[in-house]
C-alpha atoms as a PDB file:
ATOM      1  CA  UNK A   1      -5.282 -35.586  59.570  1.00  0.00           C
ATOM      2  CA  UNK A   2      -6.652 -35.776  56.076  1.00  0.00           C
ATOM      3  CA  UNK A   3      -5.892 -32.101  55.096  1.00  0.00           C
ATOM      4  CA  UNK A   4      -3.166 -31.907  52.471  1.00  0.00           C
ATOM      5  CA  UNK A   5       0.287 -30.826  53.608  1.00  0.00           C
ATOM      6  CA  UNK A   6      -0.284 -27.796  51.409  1.00  0.00           C
ATOM      7  CA  UNK A   7      -3.454 -26.603  53.175  1.00  0.00           C
ATOM      8  CA  UNK A   8      -1.938 -27.390  56.585  1.00  0.00           C
ATOM      9  CA  UNK A   9       1.086 -25.289  55.709  1.00  0.00           C
ATOM     10  CA  UNK A  10      -1.039 -22.505  54.343  1.00  0.00           C
ATOM     11  CA  UNK A  11      -3.258 -22.562  57.615  1.00  0.00           C
ATOM     12  CA  UNK A  12      -0.031 -22.299  59.735  1.00  0.00           C
ATOM     13  CA  UNK A  13       1.181 -19.356  57.646  1.00  0.00           C
ATOM     14  CA  UNK A  14      -2.215 -17.597  58.061  1.00  0.00           C
ATOM     15  CA  UNK A  15      -2.032 -18.134  61.815  1.00  0.00           C
ATOM     16  CA  UNK A  16       1.486 -16.710  61.863  1.00  0.00           C
ATOM     17  CA  UNK A  17       0.375 -13.687  59.835  1.00  0.00           C
ATOM     18  CA  UNK A  18      -2.637 -12.879  61.906  1.00  0.00           C
ATOM     19  CA  UNK A  19      -0.728 -13.223  65.174  1.00  0.00           C
ATOM     20  CA  UNK A  20       1.908 -10.738  63.892  1.00  0.00           C
ATOM     21  CA  UNK A  21      -0.888  -8.331  62.921  1.00  0.00           C
ATOM     22  CA  UNK A  22      -2.974  -8.940  66.104  1.00  0.00           C
ATOM     23  CA  UNK A  23      -2.567  -5.245  67.264  1.00  0.00           C
ATOM     24  CA  UNK A  24      -4.401  -3.904  64.347  1.00  0.00           C
ATOM     25  CA  UNK A  25      -7.278  -6.433  64.713  1.00  0.00           C
ATOM     26  CA  UNK A  26      -7.418  -5.477  68.561  1.00  0.00           C
ATOM     27  CA  UNK A  27      -7.372  -1.768  67.488  1.00  0.00           C
ATOM     28  CA  UNK A  28     -10.380  -2.555  65.047  1.00  0.00           C
ATOM     29  CA  UNK A  29     -12.333  -4.469  67.739  1.00  0.00           C
ATOM     30  CA  UNK A  30     -11.675  -1.703  70.337  1.00  0.00           C
ATOM     31  CA  UNK A  31     -13.557   0.774  67.933  1.00  0.00           C
ATOM     32  CA  UNK A  32     -16.656  -1.405  68.534  1.00  0.00           C
ATOM     33  CA  UNK A  33     -16.303  -2.247  72.198  1.00  0.00           C
ATOM     34  CA  UNK A  34     -15.942  -0.114  75.250  1.00  0.00           C
ATOM     35  CA  UNK A  35     -14.981  -3.074  77.438  1.00  0.00           C
ATOM     36  CA  UNK A  36     -11.345  -4.115  76.875  1.00  0.00           C
ATOM     37  CA  UNK A  37     -12.035  -7.897  77.484  1.00  0.00           C
ATOM     38  CA  UNK A  38     -14.747  -7.728  74.867  1.00  0.00           C
ATOM     39  CA  UNK A  39     -12.172  -6.164  72.429  1.00  0.00           C
ATOM     40  CA  UNK A  40      -9.963  -9.183  73.100  1.00  0.00           C
ATOM     41  CA  UNK A  41     -12.735 -11.661  72.253  1.00  0.00           C
ATOM     42  CA  UNK A  42     -13.915  -9.583  69.302  1.00  0.00           C
ATOM     43  CA  UNK A  43     -10.267  -9.432  67.917  1.00  0.00           C
ATOM     44  CA  UNK A  44     -10.042 -13.218  68.487  1.00  0.00           C
ATOM     45  CA  UNK A  45     -13.198 -13.838  66.530  1.00  0.00           C
ATOM     46  CA  UNK A  46     -12.235 -11.517  63.685  1.00  0.00           C
ATOM     47  CA  UNK A  47      -8.864 -13.369  63.365  1.00  0.00           C
ATOM     48  CA  UNK A  48     -10.497 -16.910  63.440  1.00  0.00           C
ATOM     49  CA  UNK A  49     -13.011 -15.560  60.849  1.00  0.00           C
ATOM     50  CA  UNK A  50     -10.166 -14.367  58.671  1.00  0.00           C
ATOM     51  CA  UNK A  51      -8.371 -17.656  58.880  1.00  0.00           C
ATOM     52  CA  UNK A  52     -11.641 -19.574  58.139  1.00  0.00           C
ATOM     53  CA  UNK A  53     -12.413 -17.463  55.179  1.00  0.00           C
ATOM     54  CA  UNK A  54      -8.916 -18.177  53.813  1.00  0.00           C
ATOM     55  CA  UNK A  55      -9.331 -21.890  54.579  1.00  0.00           C
ATOM     56  CA  UNK A  56     -12.597 -21.926  52.509  1.00  0.00           C
ATOM     57  CA  UNK A  57     -11.039 -19.910  49.679  1.00  0.00           C
ATOM     58  CA  UNK A  58      -8.446 -22.558  49.247  1.00  0.00           C
ATOM     59  CA  UNK A  59     -11.046 -25.221  48.462  1.00  0.00           C
ATOM     60  CA  UNK A  60     -12.992 -22.668  46.236  1.00  0.00           C
ATOM     61  CA  UNK A  61      -9.921 -22.137  44.336  1.00  0.00           C
ATOM     62  CA  UNK A  62      -9.606 -25.842  43.639  1.00  0.00           C
ATOM     63  CA  UNK A  63     -13.332 -26.018  42.713  1.00  0.00           C
ATOM     64  CA  UNK A  64     -13.967 -28.072  45.850  1.00  0.00           C
ATOM     65  CA  UNK A  65     -15.694 -27.897  49.143  1.00  0.00           C
ATOM     66  CA  UNK A  66     -14.310 -28.989  52.551  1.00  0.00           C
ATOM     67  CA  UNK A  67     -15.911 -32.201  53.802  1.00  0.00           C
ATOM     68  CA  UNK A  68     -16.685 -32.865  57.488  1.00  0.00           C
ATOM     69  CA  UNK A  69     -13.251 -34.312  58.103  1.00  0.00           C
ATOM     70  CA  UNK A  70     -11.645 -31.289  56.678  1.00  0.00           C
ATOM     71  CA  UNK A  71     -13.657 -29.107  58.930  1.00  0.00           C
ATOM     72  CA  UNK A  72     -12.600 -31.177  61.879  1.00  0.00           C
ATOM     73  CA  UNK A  73      -8.979 -30.916  60.977  1.00  0.00           C
ATOM     74  CA  UNK A  74      -9.382 -27.136  60.618  1.00  0.00           C
ATOM     75  CA  UNK A  75     -10.895 -26.956  64.099  1.00  0.00           C
ATOM     76  CA  UNK A  76      -8.174 -29.069  65.535  1.00  0.00           C
ATOM     77  CA  UNK A  77      -5.481 -26.788  63.986  1.00  0.00           C
ATOM     78  CA  UNK A  78      -7.324 -23.675  65.416  1.00  0.00           C
ATOM     79  CA  UNK A  79      -7.670 -25.224  68.814  1.00  0.00           C
ATOM     80  CA  UNK A  80      -4.068 -26.090  68.931  1.00  0.00           C
ATOM     81  CA  UNK A  81      -3.223 -22.665  68.078  1.00  0.00           C
ATOM     82  CA  UNK A  82      -5.985 -20.702  69.996  1.00  0.00           C
ATOM     83  CA  UNK A  83      -3.594 -19.969  73.052  1.00  0.00           C
ATOM     84  CA  UNK A  84      -0.981 -18.562  70.619  1.00  0.00           C
ATOM     85  CA  UNK A  85      -3.615 -16.285  68.849  1.00  0.00           C
ATOM     86  CA  UNK A  86      -5.145 -15.067  72.268  1.00  0.00           C
ATOM     87  CA  UNK A  87      -1.594 -14.232  73.529  1.00  0.00           C
ATOM     88  CA  UNK A  88      -0.727 -12.292  70.391  1.00  0.00           C
ATOM     89  CA  UNK A  89      -3.815 -10.010  71.103  1.00  0.00           C
ATOM     90  CA  UNK A  90      -2.942  -9.522  74.822  1.00  0.00           C
ATOM     91  CA  UNK A  91       0.784  -9.082  74.456  1.00  0.00           C
ATOM     92  CA  UNK A  92       0.252  -5.421  73.286  1.00  0.00           C
ATOM     93  CA  UNK A  93      -1.567  -4.595  76.492  1.00  0.00           C
ATOM     94  CA  UNK A  94       1.152  -6.310  78.599  1.00  0.00           C
ATOM     95  CA  UNK A  95       3.821  -4.309  76.785  1.00  0.00           C
ATOM     96  CA  UNK A  96       1.999  -1.038  77.484  1.00  0.00           C
ATOM     97  CA  UNK A  97       1.755  -1.818  81.186  1.00  0.00           C
ATOM     98  CA  UNK A  98       5.594  -2.646  81.390  1.00  0.00           C
ATOM     99  CA  UNK A  99       6.318   0.695  79.776  1.00  0.00           C
ATOM    100  CA  UNK A 100       4.328   2.662  82.313  1.00  0.00           C
END
């Protein structure tokens, strides 16, 4: 992986933040979708988009742009964490079912 440790650590912190805040992104997505499954997918897309935007911003702050290897590394980190992100979105629904 060619991404600096600083950027890798930053991405992990962003993933942690957005998984903790998944409920609010699911609620936002639900406002635009009637189907609950679509809301899950939309929330996932919003979260990935936010993380991607933060990733690009780190390069902009350094007056740089990510190269193709940086993009591959970003994709690899997202793929490794996609299950965690998806579960954070669905967990709220499971907690509601358990309470009923």
